[in-house]
Amino acid sequence: MTSKQRAHLRALASNLDTIFQIGKGGISEEMRRQIENALEARELIKLRVLDNAEYSPREAAEEIADAISAEVVTVIGTKFVLYRPSSKEKNRKIDLSAIR
C-alpha cells in the first residue's frame, strides 16, 4: 500500500465510528471472526483499545491484522484503523487502484 493510498484511507476513516473495543478480555477467536465479518462488509473499520487492555493499540492492530490478513492503516492514541478489500468483487466499495 502506497502512502497516498494510506492517506486516502485515513481520510475515509476520519468519519467512521468505532465499532469494536478491545478490553481486558483481550482478542478472542470470536472477536477475530466478528472483525473479519465487519471487514468483509465494510472494508474499512475503526477499533479502540481500552485502558485496561493487556495490549497497546499498536500491538493489538498488528496482531489482528496478521491474523486476518488485513492492513493497519493508522494507529492514533487508543484507536486504530484496519483495511481489507472485500473478497467478493461485487461488494467492493473502496477502489485504491486509481490512487498511486
N, C-alpha and C. Protein backbone atom coordinates (compact mmCIF):
# COMPACT_ATOMS: atom_id res chain seq x y z
N MET A 1 0.84 -1.16 0.00
CA MET A 1 0.00 0.00 0.00
C MET A 1 0.90 1.24 0.00
N THR A 2 0.60 2.16 -0.91
CA THR A 2 1.41 3.37 -1.01
C THR A 2 0.98 4.39 0.05
N SER A 3 1.80 5.39 0.26
CA SER A 3 1.47 6.41 1.25
C SER A 3 0.23 7.22 0.82
N LYS A 4 0.04 7.40 -0.47
CA LYS A 4 -1.15 8.12 -0.94
C LYS A 4 -2.41 7.30 -0.71
N GLN A 5 -2.32 5.99 -0.92
CA GLN A 5 -3.47 5.13 -0.65
C GLN A 5 -3.79 5.12 0.84
N ARG A 6 -2.75 5.06 1.66
CA ARG A 6 -2.94 5.08 3.11
C ARG A 6 -3.57 6.41 3.55
N ALA A 7 -3.13 7.51 2.97
CA ALA A 7 -3.70 8.83 3.30
C ALA A 7 -5.17 8.89 2.89
N HIS A 8 -5.50 8.32 1.75
CA HIS A 8 -6.89 8.29 1.29
C HIS A 8 -7.75 7.49 2.28
N LEU A 9 -7.25 6.34 2.72
CA LEU A 9 -7.99 5.53 3.68
C LEU A 9 -8.13 6.23 5.03
N ARG A 10 -7.08 6.94 5.45
CA ARG A 10 -7.17 7.70 6.71
C ARG A 10 -8.25 8.76 6.62
N ALA A 11 -8.34 9.43 5.47
CA ALA A 11 -9.37 10.45 5.28
C ALA A 11 -10.77 9.83 5.33
N LEU A 12 -10.94 8.68 4.71
CA LEU A 12 -12.23 7.99 4.75
C LEU A 12 -12.57 7.56 6.18
N ALA A 13 -11.57 7.14 6.93
CA ALA A 13 -11.79 6.63 8.28
C ALA A 13 -12.09 7.72 9.30
N SER A 14 -11.75 8.96 8.97
CA SER A 14 -11.94 10.03 9.95
C SER A 14 -13.40 10.20 10.35
N ASN A 15 -14.32 9.84 9.49
CA ASN A 15 -15.75 9.97 9.79
C ASN A 15 -16.38 8.69 10.33
N LEU A 16 -15.59 7.63 10.45
CA LEU A 16 -16.13 6.36 10.92
C LEU A 16 -16.28 6.35 12.43
N ASP A 17 -17.29 5.62 12.89
CA ASP A 17 -17.44 5.37 14.32
C ASP A 17 -16.64 4.14 14.69
N THR A 18 -16.20 4.09 15.94
CA THR A 18 -15.50 2.91 16.45
C THR A 18 -16.52 1.80 16.63
N ILE A 19 -16.27 0.63 16.02
CA ILE A 19 -17.26 -0.44 16.11
C ILE A 19 -16.80 -1.61 16.98
N PHE A 20 -15.53 -1.65 17.37
CA PHE A 20 -15.03 -2.69 18.26
C PHE A 20 -14.15 -2.06 19.33
N GLN A 21 -14.24 -2.63 20.54
CA GLN A 21 -13.38 -2.20 21.63
C GLN A 21 -12.68 -3.43 22.19
N ILE A 22 -11.39 -3.29 22.42
CA ILE A 22 -10.60 -4.37 22.98
C ILE A 22 -10.30 -4.00 24.43
N GLY A 23 -10.74 -4.86 25.34
CA GLY A 23 -10.58 -4.60 26.76
C GLY A 23 -9.74 -5.65 27.43
N LYS A 24 -10.01 -5.86 28.72
CA LYS A 24 -9.21 -6.80 29.49
C LYS A 24 -9.39 -8.25 29.05
N GLY A 25 -10.47 -8.53 28.31
CA GLY A 25 -10.68 -9.87 27.79
C GLY A 25 -9.74 -10.22 26.65
N GLY A 26 -9.08 -9.24 26.09
CA GLY A 26 -8.13 -9.48 25.02
C GLY A 26 -8.80 -9.69 23.67
N ILE A 27 -8.10 -10.39 22.79
CA ILE A 27 -8.58 -10.63 21.43
C ILE A 27 -8.92 -12.11 21.31
N SER A 28 -10.18 -12.41 21.37
CA SER A 28 -10.63 -13.80 21.30
C SER A 28 -10.84 -14.22 19.85
N GLU A 29 -11.00 -15.52 19.67
CA GLU A 29 -11.27 -16.04 18.32
C GLU A 29 -12.61 -15.51 17.81
N GLU A 30 -13.58 -15.41 18.70
CA GLU A 30 -14.89 -14.87 18.32
C GLU A 30 -14.77 -13.42 17.86
N MET A 31 -13.96 -12.63 18.55
CA MET A 31 -13.76 -11.23 18.15
C MET A 31 -13.09 -11.17 16.77
N ARG A 32 -12.13 -12.03 16.53
CA ARG A 32 -11.48 -12.06 15.21
C ARG A 32 -12.50 -12.35 14.11
N ARG A 33 -13.38 -13.31 14.36
CA ARG A 33 -14.41 -13.64 13.36
C ARG A 33 -15.33 -12.44 13.11
N GLN A 34 -15.72 -11.76 14.18
CA GLN A 34 -16.59 -10.59 14.03
C GLN A 34 -15.88 -9.47 13.26
N ILE A 35 -14.61 -9.28 13.54
CA ILE A 35 -13.84 -8.26 12.83
C ILE A 35 -13.71 -8.63 11.35
N GLU A 36 -13.47 -9.91 11.07
CA GLU A 36 -13.40 -10.36 9.68
C GLU A 36 -14.72 -10.11 8.95
N ASN A 37 -15.83 -10.43 9.61
CA ASN A 37 -17.14 -10.20 9.00
C ASN A 37 -17.39 -8.72 8.75
N ALA A 38 -16.99 -7.88 9.69
CA ALA A 38 -17.16 -6.43 9.52
C ALA A 38 -16.30 -5.92 8.37
N LEU A 39 -15.08 -6.42 8.25
CA LEU A 39 -14.20 -6.00 7.15
C LEU A 39 -14.76 -6.48 5.81
N GLU A 40 -15.33 -7.66 5.77
CA GLU A 40 -15.92 -8.16 4.53
C GLU A 40 -17.06 -7.25 4.08
N ALA A 41 -17.83 -6.77 5.04
CA ALA A 41 -18.98 -5.92 4.72
C ALA A 41 -18.59 -4.46 4.46
N ARG A 42 -17.62 -3.96 5.23
CA ARG A 42 -17.30 -2.52 5.18
C ARG A 42 -15.96 -2.18 4.55
N GLU A 43 -15.01 -3.08 4.60
CA GLU A 43 -13.64 -2.94 4.10
C GLU A 43 -12.75 -2.06 4.97
N LEU A 44 -13.31 -1.10 5.68
CA LEU A 44 -12.54 -0.17 6.50
C LEU A 44 -13.25 -0.02 7.83
N ILE A 45 -12.56 -0.35 8.93
CA ILE A 45 -13.19 -0.25 10.24
C ILE A 45 -12.24 0.39 11.25
N LYS A 46 -12.84 1.01 12.27
CA LYS A 46 -12.08 1.66 13.33
C LYS A 46 -12.30 0.89 14.63
N LEU A 47 -11.21 0.65 15.35
CA LEU A 47 -11.26 -0.08 16.60
C LEU A 47 -10.59 0.74 17.69
N ARG A 48 -10.87 0.38 18.94
CA ARG A 48 -10.30 1.11 20.07
C ARG A 48 -9.80 0.12 21.11
N VAL A 49 -8.68 0.45 21.74
CA VAL A 49 -8.14 -0.34 22.82
C VAL A 49 -8.39 0.40 24.12
N LEU A 50 -9.08 -0.25 25.05
CA LEU A 50 -9.39 0.37 26.34
C LEU A 50 -8.16 0.40 27.24
N ASP A 51 -8.19 1.26 28.24
CA ASP A 51 -7.05 1.42 29.14
C ASP A 51 -6.71 0.14 29.90
N ASN A 52 -7.71 -0.70 30.19
CA ASN A 52 -7.46 -1.91 30.98
C ASN A 52 -7.03 -3.11 30.12
N ALA A 53 -6.80 -2.90 28.85
CA ALA A 53 -6.39 -4.00 27.96
C ALA A 53 -4.92 -4.33 28.18
N GLU A 54 -4.58 -5.58 27.89
CA GLU A 54 -3.19 -6.02 28.03
C GLU A 54 -2.34 -5.68 26.81
N TYR A 55 -2.96 -5.13 25.77
CA TYR A 55 -2.27 -4.77 24.53
C TYR A 55 -2.15 -3.26 24.41
N SER A 56 -1.08 -2.83 23.77
CA SER A 56 -1.02 -1.43 23.33
C SER A 56 -1.82 -1.37 22.03
N PRO A 57 -2.28 -0.19 21.62
CA PRO A 57 -3.01 -0.11 20.35
C PRO A 57 -2.21 -0.65 19.16
N ARG A 58 -0.92 -0.38 19.11
CA ARG A 58 -0.07 -0.87 18.01
C ARG A 58 0.00 -2.40 18.03
N GLU A 59 0.19 -2.99 19.21
CA GLU A 59 0.27 -4.45 19.33
C GLU A 59 -1.05 -5.10 18.91
N ALA A 60 -2.15 -4.54 19.36
CA ALA A 60 -3.47 -5.10 19.02
C ALA A 60 -3.70 -5.00 17.52
N ALA A 61 -3.39 -3.85 16.93
CA ALA A 61 -3.59 -3.65 15.50
C ALA A 61 -2.79 -4.65 14.69
N GLU A 62 -1.53 -4.83 15.03
CA GLU A 62 -0.67 -5.74 14.28
C GLU A 62 -1.08 -7.20 14.47
N GLU A 63 -1.47 -7.57 15.69
CA GLU A 63 -1.88 -8.96 15.93
C GLU A 63 -3.14 -9.30 15.14
N ILE A 64 -4.12 -8.40 15.18
CA ILE A 64 -5.37 -8.65 14.45
C ILE A 64 -5.11 -8.66 12.95
N ALA A 65 -4.36 -7.67 12.46
CA ALA A 65 -4.09 -7.59 11.02
C ALA A 65 -3.38 -8.84 10.52
N ASP A 66 -2.41 -9.34 11.28
CA ASP A 66 -1.71 -10.57 10.89
C ASP A 66 -2.65 -11.76 10.87
N ALA A 67 -3.53 -11.84 11.86
CA ALA A 67 -4.42 -12.99 11.99
C ALA A 67 -5.46 -13.06 10.88
N ILE A 68 -5.89 -11.90 10.38
CA ILE A 68 -6.98 -11.90 9.39
C ILE A 68 -6.56 -11.34 8.03
N SER A 69 -5.27 -11.18 7.82
CA SER A 69 -4.73 -10.69 6.54
C SER A 69 -5.29 -9.33 6.15
N ALA A 70 -5.23 -8.41 7.10
CA ALA A 70 -5.69 -7.03 6.86
C ALA A 70 -4.49 -6.10 6.91
N GLU A 71 -4.71 -4.85 6.55
CA GLU A 71 -3.67 -3.82 6.60
C GLU A 71 -3.97 -2.86 7.74
N VAL A 72 -2.95 -2.51 8.50
CA VAL A 72 -3.10 -1.46 9.50
C VAL A 72 -2.94 -0.13 8.77
N VAL A 73 -3.99 0.68 8.76
CA VAL A 73 -3.94 1.97 8.07
C VAL A 73 -3.26 3.00 8.94
N THR A 74 -3.69 3.09 10.20
CA THR A 74 -3.12 4.06 11.12
C THR A 74 -3.40 3.66 12.55
N VAL A 75 -2.53 4.11 13.44
CA VAL A 75 -2.74 3.96 14.88
C VAL A 75 -2.54 5.34 15.49
N ILE A 76 -3.60 5.87 16.10
CA ILE A 76 -3.52 7.19 16.74
C ILE A 76 -4.14 7.08 18.12
N GLY A 77 -3.33 7.35 19.13
CA GLY A 77 -3.83 7.27 20.51
C GLY A 77 -4.27 5.86 20.82
N THR A 78 -5.52 5.71 21.24
CA THR A 78 -6.05 4.39 21.59
C THR A 78 -6.80 3.76 20.43
N LYS A 79 -6.89 4.44 19.30
CA LYS A 79 -7.68 3.94 18.17
C LYS A 79 -6.78 3.51 17.02
N PHE A 80 -7.29 2.56 16.24
CA PHE A 80 -6.59 2.15 15.04
C PHE A 80 -7.60 1.78 13.97
N VAL A 81 -7.12 1.81 12.72
CA VAL A 81 -7.98 1.54 11.57
C VAL A 81 -7.40 0.38 10.78
N LEU A 82 -8.28 -0.54 10.39
CA LEU A 82 -7.89 -1.69 9.58
C LEU A 82 -8.60 -1.63 8.23
N TYR A 83 -7.91 -2.11 7.20
CA TYR A 83 -8.47 -2.17 5.85
C TYR A 83 -8.20 -3.55 5.26
N ARG A 84 -9.22 -4.07 4.61
CA ARG A 84 -9.06 -5.28 3.80
C ARG A 84 -10.13 -5.25 2.73
N PRO A 85 -9.75 -5.33 1.46
CA PRO A 85 -10.76 -5.33 0.40
C PRO A 85 -11.66 -6.56 0.52
N SER A 86 -12.90 -6.39 0.15
CA SER A 86 -13.86 -7.49 0.19
C SER A 86 -13.39 -8.60 -0.75
N SER A 87 -13.62 -9.83 -0.34
CA SER A 87 -13.20 -10.96 -1.18
C SER A 87 -14.09 -11.11 -2.41
N LYS A 88 -15.28 -10.54 -2.36
CA LYS A 88 -16.21 -10.59 -3.49
C LYS A 88 -16.13 -9.27 -4.26
N GLU A 89 -15.81 -9.38 -5.51
CA GLU A 89 -15.63 -8.19 -6.37
C GLU A 89 -16.84 -7.28 -6.33
N LYS A 90 -18.04 -7.83 -6.34
CA LYS A 90 -19.25 -7.02 -6.39
C LYS A 90 -19.50 -6.24 -5.09
N ASN A 91 -18.88 -6.66 -3.98
CA ASN A 91 -19.06 -5.99 -2.69
C ASN A 91 -18.03 -4.91 -2.42
N ARG A 92 -17.08 -4.73 -3.31
CA ARG A 92 -16.01 -3.75 -3.07
C ARG A 92 -16.55 -2.33 -3.15
N LYS A 93 -16.24 -1.56 -2.10
CA LYS A 93 -16.70 -0.18 -2.01
C LYS A 93 -15.57 0.82 -2.20
N ILE A 94 -14.36 0.41 -1.86
CA ILE A 94 -13.21 1.32 -1.90
C ILE A 94 -12.28 0.86 -3.02
N ASP A 95 -12.01 1.74 -3.96
CA ASP A 95 -11.13 1.43 -5.07
C ASP A 95 -9.81 2.19 -4.90
N LEU A 96 -8.76 1.47 -4.60
CA LEU A 96 -7.45 2.10 -4.42
C LEU A 96 -6.59 2.02 -5.68
N SER A 97 -7.07 1.34 -6.71
CA SER A 97 -6.25 1.15 -7.91
C SER A 97 -5.96 2.46 -8.64
N ALA A 98 -6.83 3.43 -8.54
CA ALA A 98 -6.63 4.70 -9.22
C ALA A 98 -5.64 5.61 -8.47
N ILE A 99 -5.39 5.29 -7.21
CA ILE A 99 -4.51 6.11 -6.38
C ILE A 99 -3.13 5.48 -6.37
N ARG A 100 -2.15 6.19 -6.84
CA ARG A 100 -0.79 5.65 -6.91
C ARG A 100 0.07 6.41 -5.97
